[in-house]
Amino acid sequence: MKPQVICLGAINLDLVYRVPDIAGFLKEWGTGLARGGEEALSLEAEVRLRAFLPRFARSVGRFGGGQAANTAYALARLGFPAALVGRVGEDADGAFLREGLAWVNLDYLVQDGESGRAYILVDPEGERTILVAPNTNDDLIERDLPWEALERARFLHLTSFADEGPLAVQKQIARRLTAGPRLTFDPGELYARRGRAALDELLEQVETLLVTEAEWALLGGGLQRHPDWAPPIILIKRGPLGARLLTPVRYLDIPSTFEGQPVDTVGAGDVFAAGYIAGLLIGLNLPQAVRLAEHAAAYKLGGRGRKGYPDKRVMERIIERLR
């Protein structure tokens, strides 16, 4: 079955650690990384980090990760044919990542080199500080792209990489597919920190931009006015406050439906993206699609890892309440 949605972005092995003293770690790490922030690692820095972590952290486990992979998996679990485009290593980590993407079309994955890794440091308050070793992700080139499949897809969901090369490839896609799929874009902190000028070519072609409040501020956006430079639809993910839908004519707040203490926040934003795209695929109007996204993300907060992602039956129950 041809994919209705293709997700393109970095694919990582998530290595999760508990860090009781995140302030002490960040001071000793010494790069200026802030609590809750994200930083890309060179090969040398990853070696240093691996030697550094045992002093401050306890390993919790390893999981499949990366925004694009999480969103593709969430869509497939909701019952929508989704494919993943990108790179994984030709190593044991790459095999692990592929095994964790059941139901996702992996025909367009390139296996080469060493897999990307994300070191996720969780402090006692549940805040996540992330250090990313991109490895093979940063080797993405135009030859890796399945142009025919991209042109046939209904949606193309773009997420971030660490290096300039893959970003240039994504800009090329946006220029070429002006009459192809609808583009959604979740830049994450790594792209948002580059600033709006670095992303202009993407923002001009994208239909929906998905950002956290902090990422939106980094791009120069405000909460109440839709700026002229922005894509038509802005979805601002605001954690416990829910989400804000911002368009040229209005803004609308969608409250969070989650109650209690989250079990696991990793991937909740990617499930949000999947719920939003799923809502548009089945014909929901824009506010309904955002409400579905918020409900889906809230459901994920109650479960650990990808096992906590909602399935088609959960989505159908949510939709019954929306219509």
Protein backbone atom coordinates (compact mmCIF):
# COMPACT_ATOMS: atom_id res chain seq x y z
CA MET A 1 0.00 0.00 0.00
CA LYS A 2 1.47 3.36 -0.99
CA PRO A 3 2.14 5.67 1.97
CA GLN A 4 -0.28 8.53 2.56
CA VAL A 5 2.29 10.26 4.75
CA ILE A 6 6.07 10.33 4.46
CA CYS A 7 8.16 11.50 7.40
CA LEU A 8 11.69 12.78 6.79
CA GLY A 9 14.14 13.62 9.53
CA ALA A 10 16.85 12.32 11.83
CA ILE A 11 16.39 8.79 13.19
CA ASN A 12 18.07 8.14 16.53
CA LEU A 13 18.58 5.56 19.20
CA ASP A 14 17.29 7.22 22.39
CA LEU A 15 19.52 6.48 25.40
CA VAL A 16 17.66 7.63 28.51
CA TYR A 17 19.40 8.51 31.77
CA ARG A 18 18.26 9.72 35.18
CA VAL A 19 20.39 12.66 36.36
CA PRO A 20 19.79 13.67 40.01
CA ASP A 21 22.05 16.75 39.76
CA ILE A 22 21.47 18.23 36.32
CA ALA A 23 22.91 21.60 37.38
CA GLY A 24 26.14 19.91 38.43
CA PHE A 25 26.30 17.99 35.17
CA LEU A 26 25.77 21.09 33.03
CA LYS A 27 28.39 23.06 34.96
CA GLU A 28 30.98 20.31 34.51
CA TRP A 29 29.99 19.71 30.87
CA GLY A 30 30.83 23.34 30.24
CA THR A 31 29.37 24.02 26.79
CA GLY A 32 26.68 26.50 27.82
CA LEU A 33 23.90 23.96 27.34
CA ALA A 34 20.88 24.95 29.46
CA ARG A 35 18.57 22.66 31.38
CA GLY A 36 15.83 21.50 29.01
CA GLY A 37 17.89 22.42 25.96
CA GLU A 38 19.32 20.39 23.11
CA GLU A 39 22.84 20.21 21.73
CA ALA A 40 24.51 18.42 18.81
CA LEU A 41 27.67 16.42 19.51
CA SER A 42 30.77 15.97 17.41
CA LEU A 43 32.38 12.52 17.33
CA GLU A 44 34.92 13.66 19.90
CA ALA A 45 32.25 15.16 22.15
CA GLU A 46 30.25 11.92 22.14
CA VAL A 47 33.34 9.99 23.28
CA ARG A 48 33.81 12.54 26.07
CA LEU A 49 30.12 12.30 27.04
CA ARG A 50 30.23 8.51 27.33
CA ALA A 51 33.15 8.77 29.74
CA PHE A 52 31.46 11.65 31.58
CA LEU A 53 27.96 10.24 32.14
CA PRO A 54 28.71 7.55 34.78
CA ARG A 55 29.70 10.29 37.22
CA PHE A 56 26.27 11.93 37.06
CA ALA A 57 23.70 9.59 35.53
CA ARG A 58 22.04 6.19 35.75
CA SER A 59 20.94 4.44 32.56
CA VAL A 60 17.19 3.79 32.26
CA GLY A 61 17.14 2.06 28.89
CA ARG A 62 17.32 2.44 25.14
CA PHE A 63 14.41 3.13 22.79
CA GLY A 64 13.76 3.93 19.15
CA GLY A 65 13.58 7.68 18.64
CA GLY A 66 13.81 10.69 16.37
CA GLN A 67 10.90 13.00 15.59
CA ALA A 68 10.29 11.65 12.09
CA ALA A 69 10.43 8.01 13.20
CA ASN A 70 8.13 8.65 16.16
CA THR A 71 5.56 10.44 13.99
CA ALA A 72 5.63 7.72 11.32
CA TYR A 73 5.17 5.03 13.96
CA ALA A 74 2.31 6.94 15.60
CA LEU A 75 0.53 7.37 12.26
CA ALA A 76 0.94 3.68 11.41
CA ARG A 77 -0.43 2.74 14.83
CA LEU A 78 -3.44 4.96 14.14
CA GLY A 79 -4.05 3.01 10.93
CA PHE A 80 -2.55 5.31 8.27
CA PRO A 81 0.03 4.07 5.75
CA ALA A 82 3.20 5.93 6.65
CA ALA A 83 6.75 5.69 5.36
CA LEU A 84 10.03 6.88 6.82
CA VAL A 85 12.80 8.48 4.77
CA GLY A 86 16.26 8.91 6.23
CA ARG A 87 19.31 7.00 7.37
CA VAL A 88 20.13 4.42 10.04
CA GLY A 89 23.46 2.76 10.68
CA GLU A 90 24.54 -0.53 9.25
CA ASP A 91 25.13 -1.69 12.81
CA ALA A 92 23.35 -3.34 15.73
CA ASP A 93 21.70 -0.03 16.66
CA GLY A 94 20.34 0.27 13.12
CA ALA A 95 18.84 -3.22 13.33
CA PHE A 96 17.27 -2.31 16.69
CA LEU A 97 15.79 0.87 15.23
CA ARG A 98 14.25 -0.99 12.28
CA GLU A 99 12.80 -3.68 14.54
CA GLY A 100 11.09 -0.99 16.61
CA LEU A 101 9.21 0.45 13.63
CA ALA A 102 6.64 -2.27 13.03
CA TRP A 103 3.90 -1.26 10.54
CA VAL A 104 5.99 1.63 9.14
CA ASN A 105 7.09 1.39 5.50
CA LEU A 106 10.89 1.24 5.67
CA ASP A 107 11.50 0.72 1.95
CA TYR A 108 13.14 4.14 1.64
CA LEU A 109 15.57 3.90 4.57
CA VAL A 110 19.27 3.95 3.78
CA GLN A 111 21.48 1.76 5.99
CA ASP A 112 25.06 2.96 6.17
CA GLY A 113 27.69 3.91 8.72
CA GLU A 114 26.94 4.39 12.41
CA SER A 115 23.46 5.07 13.76
CA GLY A 116 22.50 8.38 15.32
CA ARG A 117 22.11 8.50 19.09
CA ALA A 118 20.29 10.89 21.42
CA TYR A 119 21.35 11.02 25.05
CA ILE A 120 18.24 12.06 26.98
CA LEU A 121 18.99 13.29 30.49
CA VAL A 122 15.92 13.32 32.74
CA ASP A 123 16.18 15.32 35.96
CA PRO A 124 14.06 14.81 39.13
CA GLU A 125 11.39 17.25 37.87
CA GLY A 126 11.02 15.29 34.62
CA GLU A 127 12.69 17.94 32.44
CA ARG A 128 14.67 16.52 29.51
CA THR A 129 18.04 17.81 28.38
CA ILE A 130 19.18 16.21 25.12
CA LEU A 131 22.57 15.71 23.52
CA VAL A 132 22.46 14.34 19.97
CA ALA A 133 25.21 12.46 18.12
CA PRO A 134 23.87 12.60 14.53
CA ASN A 135 26.35 10.21 12.86
CA THR A 136 24.84 8.80 9.62
CA ASN A 137 21.86 11.17 9.79
CA ASP A 138 24.09 14.04 8.72
CA ASP A 139 25.16 12.16 5.58
CA LEU A 140 21.71 12.50 3.96
CA ILE A 141 22.02 13.52 0.28
CA GLU A 142 19.62 14.00 -2.61
CA ARG A 143 20.36 10.51 -3.93
CA ASP A 144 18.76 9.06 -0.78
CA LEU A 145 15.35 10.53 -1.67
CA PRO A 146 12.51 8.52 -3.27
CA TRP A 147 11.24 11.40 -5.42
CA GLU A 148 8.35 9.47 -6.99
CA ALA A 149 7.01 8.39 -3.60
CA LEU A 150 7.40 11.93 -2.23
CA GLU A 151 5.39 13.35 -5.11
CA ARG A 152 2.55 10.82 -4.59
CA ALA A 153 2.19 11.26 -0.84
CA ARG A 154 -0.67 13.32 0.57
CA PHE A 155 1.47 14.72 3.39
CA LEU A 156 5.20 15.17 3.87
CA HIS A 157 6.26 15.76 7.48
CA LEU A 158 9.71 17.33 7.92
CA THR A 159 11.73 17.33 11.14
CA SER A 160 15.22 18.46 12.07
CA PHE A 161 18.77 17.29 11.49
CA ALA A 162 21.93 18.56 13.16
CA ASP A 163 23.98 19.56 10.10
CA GLU A 164 23.59 22.00 7.22
CA GLY A 165 23.71 19.30 4.51
CA PRO A 166 20.39 17.58 5.29
CA LEU A 167 18.74 20.98 5.79
CA ALA A 168 19.83 21.94 2.28
CA VAL A 169 18.28 18.69 0.99
CA GLN A 170 15.00 19.54 2.73
CA LYS A 171 15.01 23.01 1.15
CA GLN A 172 15.49 21.37 -2.23
CA ILE A 173 12.48 19.15 -1.56
CA ALA A 174 10.34 22.16 -0.66
CA ARG A 175 11.33 23.96 -3.87
CA ARG A 176 10.66 20.94 -6.07
CA LEU A 177 7.39 19.68 -4.55
CA THR A 178 5.35 22.86 -4.82
CA ALA A 179 2.48 20.93 -6.47
CA GLY A 180 2.95 17.74 -4.47
CA PRO A 181 2.11 16.78 -0.88
CA ARG A 182 0.96 19.11 1.86
CA LEU A 183 3.98 20.01 3.98
CA THR A 184 4.06 19.97 7.77
CA PHE A 185 7.21 21.01 9.61
CA ASP A 186 8.37 20.49 13.20
CA PRO A 187 11.77 22.22 13.42
CA GLY A 188 12.60 21.27 16.99
CA GLU A 189 15.07 23.29 19.03
CA LEU A 190 18.08 22.44 16.83
CA TYR A 191 16.52 24.14 13.80
CA ALA A 192 14.77 26.91 15.75
CA ARG A 193 18.10 28.00 17.25
CA ARG A 194 19.40 28.63 13.72
CA GLY A 195 16.89 31.48 13.45
CA ARG A 196 14.18 32.27 10.94
CA ALA A 197 16.50 33.35 8.15
CA ALA A 198 18.06 29.89 8.00
CA LEU A 199 14.61 28.32 7.52
CA ASP A 200 12.95 30.87 5.21
CA GLU A 201 12.94 28.62 2.13
CA LEU A 202 11.12 25.92 4.08
CA LEU A 203 8.71 28.29 5.81
CA GLU A 204 7.62 29.70 2.44
CA GLN A 205 6.39 26.28 1.26
CA VAL A 206 5.10 24.75 4.49
CA GLU A 207 1.38 24.65 5.24
CA THR A 208 1.61 23.89 8.98
CA LEU A 209 4.40 24.73 11.41
CA LEU A 210 4.45 22.82 14.72
CA VAL A 211 6.54 24.41 17.49
CA THR A 212 6.87 24.65 21.23
CA GLU A 213 6.44 28.04 22.82
CA ALA A 214 10.22 28.34 23.26
CA GLU A 215 10.91 27.40 19.62
CA TRP A 216 8.32 29.89 18.39
CA ALA A 217 10.02 32.63 20.41
CA LEU A 218 13.40 31.68 18.92
CA LEU A 219 11.89 32.17 15.46
CA GLY A 220 10.60 35.59 16.45
CA GLY A 221 6.92 34.70 16.79
CA GLY A 222 4.40 36.03 19.32
CA LEU A 223 1.44 34.27 20.86
CA GLN A 224 -1.36 36.55 19.66
CA ARG A 225 -0.47 37.68 16.15
CA HIS A 226 0.16 35.62 13.03
CA PRO A 227 3.28 37.15 11.39
CA ASP A 228 3.46 37.76 7.64
CA TRP A 229 6.49 35.48 7.21
CA ALA A 230 4.88 32.45 8.84
CA PRO A 231 3.12 29.48 7.20
CA PRO A 232 -0.70 29.71 7.12
CA ILE A 233 -1.17 27.45 10.15
CA ILE A 234 0.88 27.60 13.34
CA LEU A 235 0.39 25.03 16.08
CA ILE A 236 2.09 26.06 19.32
CA LYS A 237 2.56 23.17 21.76
CA ARG A 238 2.30 24.57 25.29
CA GLY A 239 2.60 21.51 27.53
CA PRO A 240 0.10 21.58 30.42
CA LEU A 241 -1.61 24.60 28.82
CA GLY A 242 -2.53 22.55 25.74
CA ALA A 243 -2.01 24.02 22.28
CA ARG A 244 -2.67 27.29 20.46
CA LEU A 245 -3.87 27.34 16.85
CA LEU A 246 -2.68 30.54 15.20
CA THR A 247 -3.88 31.58 11.74
CA PRO A 248 -3.97 34.92 9.89
CA VAL A 249 -7.55 35.52 11.07
CA ARG A 250 -7.56 34.34 14.68
CA TYR A 251 -6.04 32.26 17.43
CA LEU A 252 -7.76 29.45 19.29
CA ASP A 253 -6.64 27.72 22.49
CA ILE A 254 -7.13 23.97 22.78
CA PRO A 255 -6.84 22.98 26.46
CA SER A 256 -4.87 19.94 27.54
CA THR A 257 -6.98 16.91 28.41
CA PHE A 258 -4.30 15.19 30.49
CA GLU A 259 -4.68 15.01 34.26
CA GLY A 260 -2.12 13.84 36.78
CA GLN A 261 1.61 13.28 36.55
CA PRO A 262 2.96 12.27 33.12
CA VAL A 263 4.50 8.81 32.94
CA ASP A 264 6.71 9.70 29.95
CA THR A 265 6.86 12.92 27.93
CA VAL A 266 9.33 11.69 25.27
CA GLY A 267 7.59 11.60 21.89
CA ALA A 268 4.41 13.37 23.01
CA GLY A 269 4.99 16.20 20.52
CA ASP A 270 5.46 13.68 17.73
CA VAL A 271 2.20 11.93 18.64
CA PHE A 272 0.60 15.38 18.56
CA ALA A 273 1.85 15.83 14.99
CA ALA A 274 0.55 12.39 14.01
CA GLY A 275 -2.87 13.10 15.52
CA TYR A 276 -3.11 16.40 13.65
CA ILE A 277 -2.19 14.87 10.29
CA ALA A 278 -4.56 11.95 10.93
CA GLY A 279 -7.39 14.38 11.61
CA LEU A 280 -6.83 16.15 8.30
CA LEU A 281 -6.61 12.84 6.44
CA ILE A 282 -10.04 11.76 7.68
CA GLY A 283 -11.65 15.11 6.90
CA LEU A 284 -11.87 16.81 10.29
CA ASN A 285 -11.94 20.59 10.21
CA LEU A 286 -8.89 22.45 11.49
CA PRO A 287 -9.95 22.94 15.15
CA GLN A 288 -11.14 19.32 15.33
CA ALA A 289 -7.81 18.08 13.96
CA VAL A 290 -5.94 20.07 16.62
CA ARG A 291 -8.22 18.69 19.32
CA LEU A 292 -7.53 15.17 18.08
CA ALA A 293 -3.80 15.97 18.22
CA GLU A 294 -4.09 17.21 21.81
CA HIS A 295 -6.10 14.15 22.90
CA ALA A 296 -3.59 11.81 21.23
CA ALA A 297 -0.63 13.51 22.94
CA ALA A 298 -2.43 13.39 26.30
CA TYR A 299 -3.04 9.67 25.85
CA LYS A 300 0.66 9.13 25.17
CA LEU A 301 1.63 10.94 28.40
CA GLY A 302 -0.03 8.13 30.33
CA GLY A 303 2.18 5.39 28.85
CA ARG A 304 5.87 4.68 28.54
CA GLY A 305 7.67 4.72 25.18
CA ARG A 306 5.97 3.86 21.92
CA LYS A 307 3.85 1.28 23.75
CA GLY A 308 1.94 4.26 25.12
CA TYR A 309 0.97 5.59 21.69
CA PRO A 310 -2.77 5.54 20.90
CA ASP A 311 -4.09 3.05 18.35
CA LYS A 312 -6.97 3.23 15.87
CA ARG A 313 -9.59 2.24 18.44
CA VAL A 314 -8.48 5.00 20.80
CA MET A 315 -8.59 7.50 17.94
CA GLU A 316 -12.11 6.44 16.96
CA ARG A 317 -13.33 6.95 20.55
CA ILE A 318 -11.78 10.42 20.59
CA ILE A 319 -13.36 11.34 17.25
CA GLU A 320 -16.80 10.31 18.49
CA ARG A 321 -16.51 12.99 21.17
CA LEU A 322 -15.25 15.62 18.73
CA ARG A 323 -17.99 15.41 16.13
